[in-house]
Amino acid sequence: MQSMPEQSLPSKSVARPGAVLKALRRKHGWTLAEVSRRTGLPTSTLSKIENDKMSLSFDKLARLSVSLQVDISALFNGEAVGEGWNGASGRRSITRAGEGKAIETQNYSHLYPAWDLLNKGIIPIVAELRARSLEEFGELIRHPGEEYAYVIEGEVDLYTSLYAPVRLKTGDSIYFDSGMGHAYVAASEGPCRVLSICTAPEKQLIAATAGSAQGTPPRKVAAPPHKPAAAKPAAAKPAAPKPTAPVRRNRRG
């Protein structure tokens, strides 16, 4: 019997947006100070990104994309960005299990399917959650457009800046305005994974992040309204001491 040739499993291709940013900056002759002026990011932050000493959140990716007029996908693979397409193009992208562009951040391990397509109308993201409390997560994330999230594995607490936290179990999903500050937090033991789909063209998704704050402080539960204490009755004034008669002393003869 002839043995079947062994096939190697596909491996994840880890993106290096920092290297792409450095190449793009050198191509245009920009200094770090110029890129800082365009993006609003400190030069120290840009230097760390270029040298792979700082992981990129979606907010920073979005800010770089809109400020430098480059598609987010181009930051993954370094390809030049063309003009937006019109009409039906018949394009498609197949992403096999384990394939995609990986972006590691403090709170998420992101895997971007269909990373080879530029100017997509939606952005699919498979995220494995790392933070297990809102305090550990830090500032809430916001970006323009709307978002659909489907829990693939585990249980997830979704925090937003406008609503009370909601727990989602495997198979549950939610559709919400991603302009709200939001955070996905792992709520069960073991891996917790979410398929997140951001709607609208990429340029519309990232436009609002330019020049704006990169997050919203974590939502705090409002304290119950304070009831003023009931007024205490005024204490009675002490009575004035009565005058005492002078003591008479008998003189000794």
Protein backbone atom coordinates (compact mmCIF):
# COMPACT_ATOMS: atom_id res chain seq x y z
CA MET A 1 0.00 0.00 0.00
CA GLN A 2 1.32 3.37 -0.99
CA SER A 3 1.60 5.85 1.84
CA MET A 4 -0.04 9.21 1.40
CA PRO A 5 2.34 12.17 1.33
CA GLU A 6 2.32 14.12 4.54
CA GLN A 7 0.83 17.59 4.36
CA SER A 8 1.95 20.30 6.69
CA LEU A 9 -0.77 22.15 8.55
CA PRO A 10 -1.19 25.84 7.66
CA SER A 11 0.38 28.17 10.14
CA LYS A 12 -0.76 31.58 11.22
CA SER A 13 1.08 34.42 9.53
CA VAL A 14 1.99 36.94 12.20
CA ALA A 15 1.65 40.51 10.98
CA ARG A 16 4.24 43.17 11.74
CA PRO A 17 2.50 46.52 11.30
CA GLY A 18 5.50 48.25 12.88
CA ALA A 19 7.79 47.19 10.03
CA VAL A 20 5.16 48.28 7.49
CA LEU A 21 4.83 51.64 9.23
CA LYS A 22 8.59 52.18 9.14
CA ALA A 23 8.77 51.27 5.43
CA LEU A 24 5.84 53.58 4.64
CA ARG A 25 7.42 56.43 6.59
CA ARG A 26 10.75 56.04 4.78
CA LYS A 27 9.03 55.78 1.41
CA HIS A 28 7.39 59.19 1.91
CA GLY A 29 10.40 60.73 3.63
CA TRP A 30 8.47 61.38 6.84
CA THR A 31 10.17 61.85 10.17
CA LEU A 32 8.73 60.40 13.35
CA ALA A 33 7.76 63.95 14.30
CA GLU A 34 5.80 64.33 11.05
CA VAL A 35 3.97 61.03 11.58
CA SER A 36 3.27 62.10 15.16
CA ARG A 37 1.75 65.35 13.90
CA ARG A 38 -0.43 63.49 11.41
CA THR A 39 -1.63 60.76 13.79
CA GLY A 40 -1.60 62.46 17.18
CA LEU A 41 0.50 59.60 18.58
CA PRO A 42 3.66 60.50 20.55
CA THR A 43 6.99 59.92 18.80
CA SER A 44 8.02 57.60 21.61
CA THR A 45 4.94 55.44 20.95
CA LEU A 46 5.61 55.40 17.19
CA SER A 47 9.23 54.38 17.79
CA LYS A 48 8.14 51.49 20.01
CA ILE A 49 5.59 50.37 17.40
CA GLU A 50 8.18 50.41 14.61
CA ASN A 51 10.62 48.37 16.70
CA ASP A 52 7.99 45.81 17.80
CA LYS A 53 8.24 46.92 21.42
CA MET A 54 4.54 47.81 21.70
CA SER A 55 1.49 45.86 20.57
CA LEU A 56 -1.09 47.68 18.47
CA SER A 57 -4.70 47.98 19.61
CA PHE A 58 -7.46 48.36 17.02
CA ASP A 59 -7.73 52.04 17.95
CA LYS A 60 -4.06 52.70 17.14
CA LEU A 61 -4.32 50.69 13.90
CA ALA A 62 -7.37 52.73 12.93
CA ARG A 63 -5.70 56.03 13.75
CA LEU A 64 -2.62 55.15 11.67
CA SER A 65 -4.82 53.97 8.81
CA VAL A 66 -6.95 57.10 8.51
CA SER A 67 -4.17 59.59 9.25
CA LEU A 68 -1.67 58.12 6.79
CA GLN A 69 -4.34 57.29 4.15
CA VAL A 70 -3.50 53.59 4.12
CA ASP A 71 -5.86 50.64 4.36
CA ILE A 72 -5.71 48.63 7.60
CA SER A 73 -5.03 45.49 5.55
CA ALA A 74 -2.00 47.22 4.03
CA LEU A 75 -0.57 47.55 7.54
CA PHE A 76 -0.80 43.76 7.74
CA ASN A 77 0.89 42.87 4.46
CA GLY A 78 2.57 46.07 3.20
CA GLU A 79 0.74 46.16 -0.12
CA ALA A 80 -0.06 49.48 -1.73
CA VAL A 81 -3.61 50.71 -1.37
CA GLY A 82 -5.64 51.37 -4.50
CA GLU A 83 -8.77 53.38 -5.00
CA GLY A 84 -12.04 52.06 -3.65
CA TRP A 85 -13.86 49.68 -5.99
CA ASN A 86 -17.28 50.31 -7.46
CA GLY A 87 -19.86 47.76 -8.49
CA ALA A 88 -19.62 43.97 -8.32
CA SER A 89 -16.06 42.73 -8.52
CA GLY A 90 -16.68 39.01 -7.94
CA ARG A 91 -13.78 38.92 -5.53
CA ARG A 92 -13.58 36.41 -2.70
CA SER A 93 -11.18 35.18 -0.08
CA ILE A 94 -11.00 31.72 1.52
CA THR A 95 -9.39 31.47 4.94
CA ARG A 96 -8.52 27.95 6.07
CA ALA A 97 -8.46 26.86 9.71
CA GLY A 98 -5.42 28.32 11.44
CA GLU A 99 -4.77 30.88 8.71
CA GLY A 100 -5.07 34.65 8.89
CA LYS A 101 -3.14 37.60 10.22
CA ALA A 102 -2.52 37.55 13.96
CA ILE A 103 -2.42 40.72 16.03
CA GLU A 104 -1.50 40.33 19.69
CA THR A 105 -2.66 42.98 22.17
CA GLN A 106 -2.83 43.19 25.94
CA ASN A 107 -6.51 42.21 26.06
CA TYR A 108 -7.06 40.20 22.88
CA SER A 109 -5.37 37.73 20.60
CA HIS A 110 -6.83 38.82 17.24
CA LEU A 111 -6.97 36.74 14.09
CA TYR A 112 -8.06 38.59 10.93
CA PRO A 113 -9.56 36.33 8.21
CA ALA A 114 -9.67 37.56 4.60
CA TRP A 115 -6.71 39.80 5.38
CA ASP A 116 -5.65 39.76 1.70
CA LEU A 117 -8.71 41.76 0.58
CA LEU A 118 -8.37 45.54 0.71
CA ASN A 119 -11.17 48.07 1.21
CA LYS A 120 -13.58 45.53 2.65
CA GLY A 121 -17.14 46.53 3.51
CA ILE A 122 -16.95 44.57 6.76
CA ILE A 123 -14.05 43.56 8.98
CA PRO A 124 -14.29 40.05 10.49
CA ILE A 125 -12.17 39.39 13.57
CA VAL A 126 -11.78 36.26 15.69
CA ALA A 127 -10.69 37.36 19.16
CA GLU A 128 -9.50 35.21 22.05
CA LEU A 129 -10.07 37.15 25.27
CA ARG A 130 -7.31 37.61 27.81
CA ALA A 131 -8.68 40.01 30.41
CA ARG A 132 -10.83 38.41 33.12
CA SER A 133 -12.02 41.58 34.82
CA LEU A 134 -12.86 45.13 33.77
CA GLU A 135 -10.07 46.43 36.00
CA GLU A 136 -7.59 44.19 34.16
CA PHE A 137 -8.96 45.31 30.76
CA GLY A 138 -8.52 49.04 31.44
CA GLU A 139 -10.06 51.72 29.22
CA LEU A 140 -13.03 50.81 27.06
CA ILE A 141 -12.51 50.71 23.28
CA ARG A 142 -14.67 52.57 20.75
CA HIS A 143 -14.69 52.83 16.95
CA PRO A 144 -17.24 54.06 14.41
CA GLY A 145 -19.91 51.88 12.85
CA GLU A 146 -21.79 48.91 14.26
CA GLU A 147 -20.63 45.52 15.46
CA TYR A 148 -21.99 41.99 15.57
CA ALA A 149 -20.43 39.57 18.03
CA TYR A 150 -21.01 35.81 18.25
CA VAL A 151 -19.56 33.79 21.12
CA ILE A 152 -17.70 30.81 19.68
CA GLU A 153 -16.38 29.37 22.92
CA GLY A 154 -16.74 30.03 26.64
CA GLU A 155 -18.71 32.79 28.34
CA VAL A 156 -18.18 36.51 27.85
CA ASP A 157 -19.16 39.65 29.74
CA LEU A 158 -19.72 42.61 27.42
CA TYR A 159 -19.26 45.98 29.12
CA THR A 160 -20.43 49.19 27.42
CA SER A 161 -20.44 52.83 28.38
CA LEU A 162 -24.26 53.12 28.12
CA TYR A 163 -25.68 49.79 29.34
CA ALA A 164 -25.28 47.44 32.26
CA PRO A 165 -22.91 44.52 31.59
CA VAL A 166 -24.46 41.52 29.81
CA ARG A 167 -23.26 37.92 29.95
CA LEU A 168 -23.16 35.97 26.68
CA LYS A 169 -22.75 32.19 26.55
CA THR A 170 -21.57 29.96 23.71
CA GLY A 171 -23.93 30.46 20.76
CA ASP A 172 -25.25 33.81 22.04
CA SER A 173 -24.75 36.93 19.96
CA ILE A 174 -25.24 40.68 20.16
CA TYR A 175 -25.46 43.56 17.68
CA PHE A 176 -24.57 47.02 18.97
CA ASP A 177 -23.34 50.51 18.16
CA SER A 178 -19.56 50.21 18.42
CA GLY A 179 -19.28 53.98 18.84
CA MET A 180 -20.06 53.22 22.49
CA GLY A 181 -17.10 52.38 24.65
CA HIS A 182 -17.02 48.59 24.97
CA ALA A 183 -14.95 45.71 26.28
CA TYR A 184 -15.14 41.92 25.99
CA VAL A 185 -14.08 40.20 29.22
CA ALA A 186 -13.67 36.44 29.71
CA ALA A 187 -16.24 35.18 32.23
CA SER A 188 -15.49 31.44 32.36
CA GLU A 189 -12.54 29.12 32.80
CA GLY A 190 -10.65 28.03 29.71
CA PRO A 191 -10.53 29.73 26.30
CA CYS A 192 -13.14 32.39 25.51
CA ARG A 193 -13.42 33.29 21.83
CA VAL A 194 -15.65 35.74 19.96
CA LEU A 195 -16.29 36.28 16.27
CA SER A 196 -16.70 40.03 15.83
CA ILE A 197 -17.87 41.64 12.58
CA CYS A 198 -17.58 45.41 12.20
CA THR A 199 -19.90 46.93 9.61
CA ALA A 200 -19.50 49.78 7.08
CA PRO A 201 -16.52 50.45 4.79
CA GLU A 202 -13.19 50.58 6.58
CA LYS A 203 -12.70 54.30 5.97
CA GLN A 204 -16.02 55.05 7.64
CA LEU A 205 -15.20 52.67 10.47
CA ILE A 206 -11.96 54.44 11.30
CA ALA A 207 -12.77 58.08 10.44
CA ALA A 208 -14.06 59.05 13.89
CA THR A 209 -10.93 57.80 15.65
CA ALA A 210 -8.69 60.44 14.09
CA GLY A 211 -7.84 63.13 16.58
CA SER A 212 -10.17 61.68 19.23
CA ALA A 213 -9.46 60.06 22.55
CA GLN A 214 -8.37 56.43 22.31
CA GLY A 215 -10.80 55.10 24.87
CA THR A 216 -13.45 55.74 27.40
CA PRO A 217 -12.85 55.31 31.11
CA PRO A 218 -14.43 52.13 32.47
CA ARG A 219 -18.12 52.52 33.23
CA LYS A 220 -18.76 52.97 36.92
CA VAL A 221 -21.94 51.87 38.60
CA ALA A 222 -23.74 54.93 39.86
CA ALA A 223 -24.06 55.17 43.61
CA PRO A 224 -27.58 55.36 45.01
CA PRO A 225 -28.83 58.94 45.41
CA HIS A 226 -27.86 60.47 48.71
CA LYS A 227 -30.79 61.32 50.94
CA PRO A 228 -30.23 64.37 53.10
CA ALA A 229 -30.33 63.57 56.78
CA ALA A 230 -33.43 64.71 58.63
CA ALA A 231 -32.92 67.98 60.49
CA LYS A 232 -32.36 67.46 64.16
CA PRO A 233 -34.43 69.55 66.54
CA ALA A 234 -32.50 72.47 67.90
CA ALA A 235 -31.07 71.80 71.30
CA ALA A 236 -32.64 73.79 74.11
CA LYS A 237 -30.50 76.62 75.34
CA PRO A 238 -29.26 76.09 78.86
CA ALA A 239 -31.10 78.23 81.43
CA ALA A 240 -29.19 81.21 82.70
CA PRO A 241 -27.83 80.62 86.21
CA LYS A 242 -29.92 82.22 88.96
CA PRO A 243 -28.17 84.98 90.94
CA THR A 244 -27.12 83.83 94.39
CA ALA A 245 -27.49 85.97 97.52
CA PRO A 246 -24.21 87.24 98.92
CA VAL A 247 -22.94 85.28 101.89
CA ARG A 248 -22.84 87.31 105.09
CA ARG A 249 -19.99 86.68 107.49
CA ASN A 250 -20.28 87.44 111.19
CA ARG A 251 -17.58 89.70 112.55
CA ARG A 252 -15.78 88.53 115.62
CA GLY A 253 -15.55 91.02 118.47
